[in-house]
């Protein structure tokens, strides 16, 4: 789990779209992370921070 106390994400669905960035980056971070794991959960509150929980199950 990752958490911060930053400005939060006002529109999580938009932030998960490829190409969306508030930092002039490629905009692949959140969406890419979601595609690479088995479980992905994000919650965010404007002016209250963001929490991201990811789980990758080990393959046998």
PDB file of N, CA and C in Angstrom:
ATOM      1  N   UNK A   1       0.834  -1.169   0.000  1.00  0.00           N
ATOM      2  CA  UNK A   1       0.000   0.000   0.000  1.00  0.00           C
ATOM      3  C   UNK A   1       0.886   1.241   0.000  1.00  0.00           C
ATOM      4  N   UNK A   2       0.429   2.244  -0.733  1.00  0.00           N
ATOM      5  CA  UNK A   2       1.116   3.525  -0.791  1.00  0.00           C
ATOM      6  C   UNK A   2       0.116   4.595  -0.385  1.00  0.00           C
ATOM      7  N   UNK A   3       0.557   5.559   0.374  1.00  0.00           N
ATOM      8  CA  UNK A   3      -0.341   6.630   0.792  1.00  0.00           C
ATOM      9  C   UNK A   3       0.433   7.928   0.922  1.00  0.00           C
ATOM     10  N   UNK A   4      -0.266   9.030   0.662  1.00  0.00           N
ATOM     11  CA  UNK A   4       0.340  10.339   0.877  1.00  0.00           C
ATOM     12  C   UNK A   4      -0.703  11.280   1.463  1.00  0.00           C
ATOM     13  N   UNK A   5      -0.265  12.443   1.828  1.00  0.00           N
ATOM     14  CA  UNK A   5      -1.159  13.461   2.369  1.00  0.00           C
ATOM     15  C   UNK A   5      -1.139  14.679   1.460  1.00  0.00           C
ATOM     16  N   UNK A   6      -1.013  14.436   0.152  1.00  0.00           N
ATOM     17  CA  UNK A   6      -0.912  15.510  -0.828  1.00  0.00           C
ATOM     18  C   UNK A   6      -2.257  16.109  -1.191  1.00  0.00           C
ATOM     19  N   UNK A   7      -2.312  16.758  -2.364  1.00  0.00           N
ATOM     20  CA  UNK A   7      -3.517  17.474  -2.771  1.00  0.00           C
ATOM     21  C   UNK A   7      -4.681  16.579  -3.180  1.00  0.00           C
ATOM     22  N   UNK A   8      -4.439  15.294  -3.331  1.00  0.00           N
ATOM     23  CA  UNK A   8      -5.497  14.380  -3.740  1.00  0.00           C
ATOM     24  C   UNK A   8      -5.732  14.410  -5.241  1.00  0.00           C
ATOM     25  N   UNK A   9      -6.569  13.511  -5.718  1.00  0.00           N
ATOM     26  CA  UNK A   9      -6.888  13.391  -7.139  1.00  0.00           C
ATOM     27  C   UNK A   9      -8.381  13.663  -7.294  1.00  0.00           C
ATOM     28  N   UNK A  10      -8.739  14.781  -7.921  1.00  0.00           N
ATOM     29  CA  UNK A  10     -10.154  15.121  -8.024  1.00  0.00           C
ATOM     30  C   UNK A  10     -10.959  14.197  -8.941  1.00  0.00           C
ATOM     31  N   UNK A  11     -10.327  13.617  -9.964  1.00  0.00           N
ATOM     32  CA  UNK A  11     -11.028  12.751 -10.911  1.00  0.00           C
ATOM     33  C   UNK A  11     -10.196  11.485 -11.143  1.00  0.00           C
ATOM     34  N   UNK A  12     -10.414  10.469 -10.330  1.00  0.00           N
ATOM     35  CA  UNK A  12      -9.612   9.246 -10.395  1.00  0.00           C
ATOM     36  C   UNK A  12      -9.765   8.550 -11.743  1.00  0.00           C
ATOM     37  N   UNK A  13     -10.973   8.458 -12.265  1.00  0.00           N
ATOM     38  CA  UNK A  13     -11.174   7.784 -13.566  1.00  0.00           C
ATOM     39  C   UNK A  13     -10.351   8.454 -14.657  1.00  0.00           C
ATOM     40  N   UNK A  14     -10.321   9.749 -14.671  1.00  0.00           N
ATOM     41  CA  UNK A  14      -9.521  10.489 -15.656  1.00  0.00           C
ATOM     42  C   UNK A  14      -8.033  10.234 -15.424  1.00  0.00           C
ATOM     43  N   UNK A  15      -7.605  10.222 -14.169  1.00  0.00           N
ATOM     44  CA  UNK A  15      -6.194  10.007 -13.844  1.00  0.00           C
ATOM     45  C   UNK A  15      -5.724   8.616 -14.255  1.00  0.00           C
ATOM     46  N   UNK A  16      -6.632   7.653 -14.369  1.00  0.00           N
ATOM     47  CA  UNK A  16      -6.273   6.294 -14.775  1.00  0.00           C
ATOM     48  C   UNK A  16      -6.182   6.137 -16.292  1.00  0.00           C
ATOM     49  N   UNK A  17      -6.601   7.144 -17.050  1.00  0.00           N
ATOM     50  CA  UNK A  17      -6.541   7.085 -18.507  1.00  0.00           C
ATOM     51  C   UNK A  17      -5.104   7.273 -18.990  1.00  0.00           C
ATOM     52  N   UNK A  18      -4.688   6.446 -19.943  1.00  0.00           N
ATOM     53  CA  UNK A  18      -3.358   6.606 -20.534  1.00  0.00           C
ATOM     54  C   UNK A  18      -3.233   7.988 -21.161  1.00  0.00           C
ATOM     55  N   UNK A  19      -2.124   8.633 -20.901  1.00  0.00           N
ATOM     56  CA  UNK A  19      -1.850   9.939 -21.474  1.00  0.00           C
ATOM     57  C   UNK A  19      -2.244  11.107 -20.586  1.00  0.00           C
ATOM     58  N   UNK A  20      -3.001  10.854 -19.526  1.00  0.00           N
ATOM     59  CA  UNK A  20      -3.384  11.944 -18.635  1.00  0.00           C
ATOM     60  C   UNK A  20      -2.263  12.192 -17.630  1.00  0.00           C
ATOM     61  N   UNK A  21      -1.844  13.438 -17.517  1.00  0.00           N
ATOM     62  CA  UNK A  21      -0.767  13.785 -16.585  1.00  0.00           C
ATOM     63  C   UNK A  21      -0.939  15.214 -16.105  1.00  0.00           C
ATOM     64  N   UNK A  22      -0.665  15.436 -14.845  1.00  0.00           N
ATOM     65  CA  UNK A  22      -0.631  16.791 -14.313  1.00  0.00           C
ATOM     66  C   UNK A  22       0.811  17.267 -14.173  1.00  0.00           C
ATOM     67  N   UNK A  23       1.759  16.382 -14.499  1.00  0.00           N
ATOM     68  CA  UNK A  23       3.177  16.705 -14.321  1.00  0.00           C
ATOM     69  C   UNK A  23       3.951  16.704 -15.639  1.00  0.00           C
ATOM     70  N   UNK A  24       3.236  16.803 -16.771  1.00  0.00           N
ATOM     71  CA  UNK A  24       3.869  16.808 -18.092  1.00  0.00           C
ATOM     72  C   UNK A  24       4.708  15.562 -18.332  1.00  0.00           C
ATOM     73  N   UNK A  25       4.244  14.425 -17.819  1.00  0.00           N
ATOM     74  CA  UNK A  25       4.917  13.144 -18.045  1.00  0.00           C
ATOM     75  C   UNK A  25       4.144  12.384 -19.121  1.00  0.00           C
ATOM     76  N   UNK A  26       4.503  11.144 -19.357  1.00  0.00           N
ATOM     77  CA  UNK A  26       3.814  10.333 -20.362  1.00  0.00           C
ATOM     78  C   UNK A  26       2.396   9.954 -19.921  1.00  0.00           C
ATOM     79  N   UNK A  27       2.122  10.021 -18.652  1.00  0.00           N
ATOM     80  CA  UNK A  27       0.782   9.723 -18.159  1.00  0.00           C
ATOM     81  C   UNK A  27       0.427   8.247 -18.202  1.00  0.00           C
ATOM     82  N   UNK A  28       1.391   7.396 -17.863  1.00  0.00           N
ATOM     83  CA  UNK A  28       1.160   5.952 -17.892  1.00  0.00           C
ATOM     84  C   UNK A  28       1.255   5.300 -16.519  1.00  0.00           C
ATOM     85  N   UNK A  29       1.538   6.067 -15.497  1.00  0.00           N
ATOM     86  CA  UNK A  29       1.803   5.522 -14.161  1.00  0.00           C
ATOM     87  C   UNK A  29       0.663   4.755 -13.523  1.00  0.00           C
ATOM     88  N   UNK A  30      -0.434   5.407 -13.220  1.00  0.00           N
ATOM     89  CA  UNK A  30      -1.529   4.742 -12.520  1.00  0.00           C
ATOM     90  C   UNK A  30      -2.191   3.676 -13.381  1.00  0.00           C
ATOM     91  N   UNK A  31      -2.484   4.007 -14.622  1.00  0.00           N
ATOM     92  CA  UNK A  31      -3.105   3.026 -15.517  1.00  0.00           C
ATOM     93  C   UNK A  31      -2.204   1.827 -15.767  1.00  0.00           C
ATOM     94  N   UNK A  32      -0.912   2.089 -15.931  1.00  0.00           N
ATOM     95  CA  UNK A  32       0.043   1.002 -16.131  1.00  0.00           C
ATOM     96  C   UNK A  32       0.150   0.108 -14.917  1.00  0.00           C
ATOM     97  N   UNK A  33       0.179   0.712 -13.738  1.00  0.00           N
ATOM     98  CA  UNK A  33       0.236  -0.072 -12.510  1.00  0.00           C
ATOM     99  C   UNK A  33      -1.000  -0.953 -12.389  1.00  0.00           C
ATOM    100  N   UNK A  34      -2.156  -0.408 -12.728  1.00  0.00           N
ATOM    101  CA  UNK A  34      -3.410  -1.177 -12.643  1.00  0.00           C
ATOM    102  C   UNK A  34      -3.382  -2.379 -13.583  1.00  0.00           C
ATOM    103  N   UNK A  35      -2.811  -2.203 -14.766  1.00  0.00           N
ATOM    104  CA  UNK A  35      -2.743  -3.313 -15.736  1.00  0.00           C
ATOM    105  C   UNK A  35      -1.763  -4.409 -15.328  1.00  0.00           C
ATOM    106  N   UNK A  36      -0.776  -4.085 -14.535  1.00  0.00           N
ATOM    107  CA  UNK A  36       0.284  -5.037 -14.196  1.00  0.00           C
ATOM    108  C   UNK A  36       0.007  -5.897 -12.972  1.00  0.00           C
ATOM    109  N   UNK A  37      -1.053  -5.599 -12.247  1.00  0.00           N
ATOM    110  CA  UNK A  37      -1.316  -6.321 -11.004  1.00  0.00           C
ATOM    111  C   UNK A  37      -2.663  -7.024 -11.039  1.00  0.00           C
ATOM    112  N   UNK A  38      -2.851  -7.936 -10.103  1.00  0.00           N
ATOM    113  CA  UNK A  38      -4.119  -8.659 -10.009  1.00  0.00           C
ATOM    114  C   UNK A  38      -5.206  -7.856  -9.315  1.00  0.00           C
ATOM    115  N   UNK A  39      -4.833  -7.095  -8.313  1.00  0.00           N
ATOM    116  CA  UNK A  39      -5.798  -6.283  -7.575  1.00  0.00           C
ATOM    117  C   UNK A  39      -5.268  -4.863  -7.453  1.00  0.00           C
ATOM    118  N   UNK A  40      -6.128  -3.899  -7.703  1.00  0.00           N
ATOM    119  CA  UNK A  40      -5.741  -2.489  -7.670  1.00  0.00           C
ATOM    120  C   UNK A  40      -6.891  -1.695  -7.070  1.00  0.00           C
ATOM    121  N   UNK A  41      -6.605  -0.935  -6.043  1.00  0.00           N
ATOM    122  CA  UNK A  41      -7.631  -0.100  -5.415  1.00  0.00           C
ATOM    123  C   UNK A  41      -7.036   1.269  -5.134  1.00  0.00           C
ATOM    124  N   UNK A  42      -7.761   2.312  -5.487  1.00  0.00           N
ATOM    125  CA  UNK A  42      -7.297   3.673  -5.228  1.00  0.00           C
ATOM    126  C   UNK A  42      -8.437   4.491  -4.637  1.00  0.00           C
ATOM    127  N   UNK A  43      -8.115   5.245  -3.613  1.00  0.00           N
ATOM    128  CA  UNK A  43      -9.058   6.190  -3.033  1.00  0.00           C
ATOM    129  C   UNK A  43      -8.321   7.512  -2.862  1.00  0.00           C
ATOM    130  N   UNK A  44      -9.041   8.594  -3.022  1.00  0.00           N
ATOM    131  CA  UNK A  44      -8.408   9.895  -2.910  1.00  0.00           C
ATOM    132  C   UNK A  44      -9.423  10.927  -2.453  1.00  0.00           C
ATOM    133  N   UNK A  45      -8.964  11.861  -1.658  1.00  0.00           N
ATOM    134  CA  UNK A  45      -9.777  12.964  -1.187  1.00  0.00           C
ATOM    135  C   UNK A  45      -9.046  14.256  -1.511  1.00  0.00           C
ATOM    136  N   UNK A  46      -9.723  15.162  -2.193  1.00  0.00           N
ATOM    137  CA  UNK A  46      -9.098  16.447  -2.512  1.00  0.00           C
ATOM    138  C   UNK A  46      -8.668  17.118  -1.211  1.00  0.00           C
ATOM    139  N   UNK A  47      -7.433  17.551  -1.179  1.00  0.00           N
ATOM    140  CA  UNK A  47      -6.787  18.165  -0.007  1.00  0.00           C
ATOM    141  C   UNK A  47      -6.622  17.196   1.160  1.00  0.00           C
ATOM    142  N   UNK A  48      -6.796  15.896   0.900  1.00  0.00           N
ATOM    143  CA  UNK A  48      -6.671  14.922   1.974  1.00  0.00           C
ATOM    144  C   UNK A  48      -5.738  13.772   1.673  1.00  0.00           C
ATOM    145  N   UNK A  49      -5.232  13.688   0.455  1.00  0.00           N
ATOM    146  CA  UNK A  49      -4.283  12.643   0.120  1.00  0.00           C
ATOM    147  C   UNK A  49      -4.882  11.499  -0.689  1.00  0.00           C
ATOM    148  N   UNK A  50      -3.996  10.581  -1.046  1.00  0.00           N
ATOM    149  CA  UNK A  50      -4.342   9.444  -1.908  1.00  0.00           C
ATOM    150  C   UNK A  50      -3.788   8.169  -1.309  1.00  0.00           C
ATOM    151  N   UNK A  51      -4.538   7.092  -1.470  1.00  0.00           N
ATOM    152  CA  UNK A  51      -4.112   5.770  -1.015  1.00  0.00           C
ATOM    153  C   UNK A  51      -4.272   4.789  -2.166  1.00  0.00           C
ATOM    154  N   UNK A  52      -3.198   4.056  -2.479  1.00  0.00           N
ATOM    155  CA  UNK A  52      -3.215   3.056  -3.540  1.00  0.00           C
ATOM    156  C   UNK A  52      -2.795   1.724  -2.941  1.00  0.00           C
ATOM    157  N   UNK A  53      -3.603   0.707  -3.172  1.00  0.00           N
ATOM    158  CA  UNK A  53      -3.298  -0.641  -2.696  1.00  0.00           C
ATOM    159  C   UNK A  53      -3.222  -1.563  -3.907  1.00  0.00           C
ATOM    160  N   UNK A  54      -2.107  -2.293  -4.040  1.00  0.00           N
ATOM    161  CA  UNK A  54      -1.931  -3.205  -5.161  1.00  0.00           C
ATOM    162  C   UNK A  54      -1.519  -4.580  -4.649  1.00  0.00           C
ATOM    163  N   UNK A  55      -1.948  -5.620  -5.367  1.00  0.00           N
ATOM    164  CA  UNK A  55      -1.557  -6.984  -5.039  1.00  0.00           C
ATOM    165  C   UNK A  55      -1.213  -7.718  -6.327  1.00  0.00           C
ATOM    166  N   UNK A  56      -0.075  -8.338  -6.350  1.00  0.00           N
ATOM    167  CA  UNK A  56       0.332  -9.191  -7.473  1.00  0.00           C
ATOM    168  C   UNK A  56       0.502 -10.587  -6.927  1.00  0.00           C
ATOM    169  N   UNK A  57      -0.336 -11.500  -7.384  1.00  0.00           N
ATOM    170  CA  UNK A  57      -0.252 -12.890  -6.936  1.00  0.00           C
ATOM    171  C   UNK A  57       0.891 -13.585  -7.640  1.00  0.00           C
ATOM    172  N   UNK A  58       1.631 -14.352  -6.907  1.00  0.00           N
ATOM    173  CA  UNK A  58       2.756 -15.103  -7.437  1.00  0.00           C
ATOM    174  C   UNK A  58       2.245 -16.212  -8.355  1.00  0.00           C
ATOM    175  N   UNK A  59       2.853 -16.316  -9.526  1.00  0.00           N
ATOM    176  CA  UNK A  59       2.504 -17.397 -10.449  1.00  0.00           C
ATOM    177  C   UNK A  59       3.364 -18.603 -10.172  1.00  0.00           C
ATOM    178  N   UNK A  60       2.789 -19.793 -10.354  1.00  0.00           N
ATOM    179  CA  UNK A  60       3.566 -21.006 -10.138  1.00  0.00           C
ATOM    180  C   UNK A  60       3.756 -21.734 -11.424  1.00  0.00           C
TER     181      UNK A  60
END
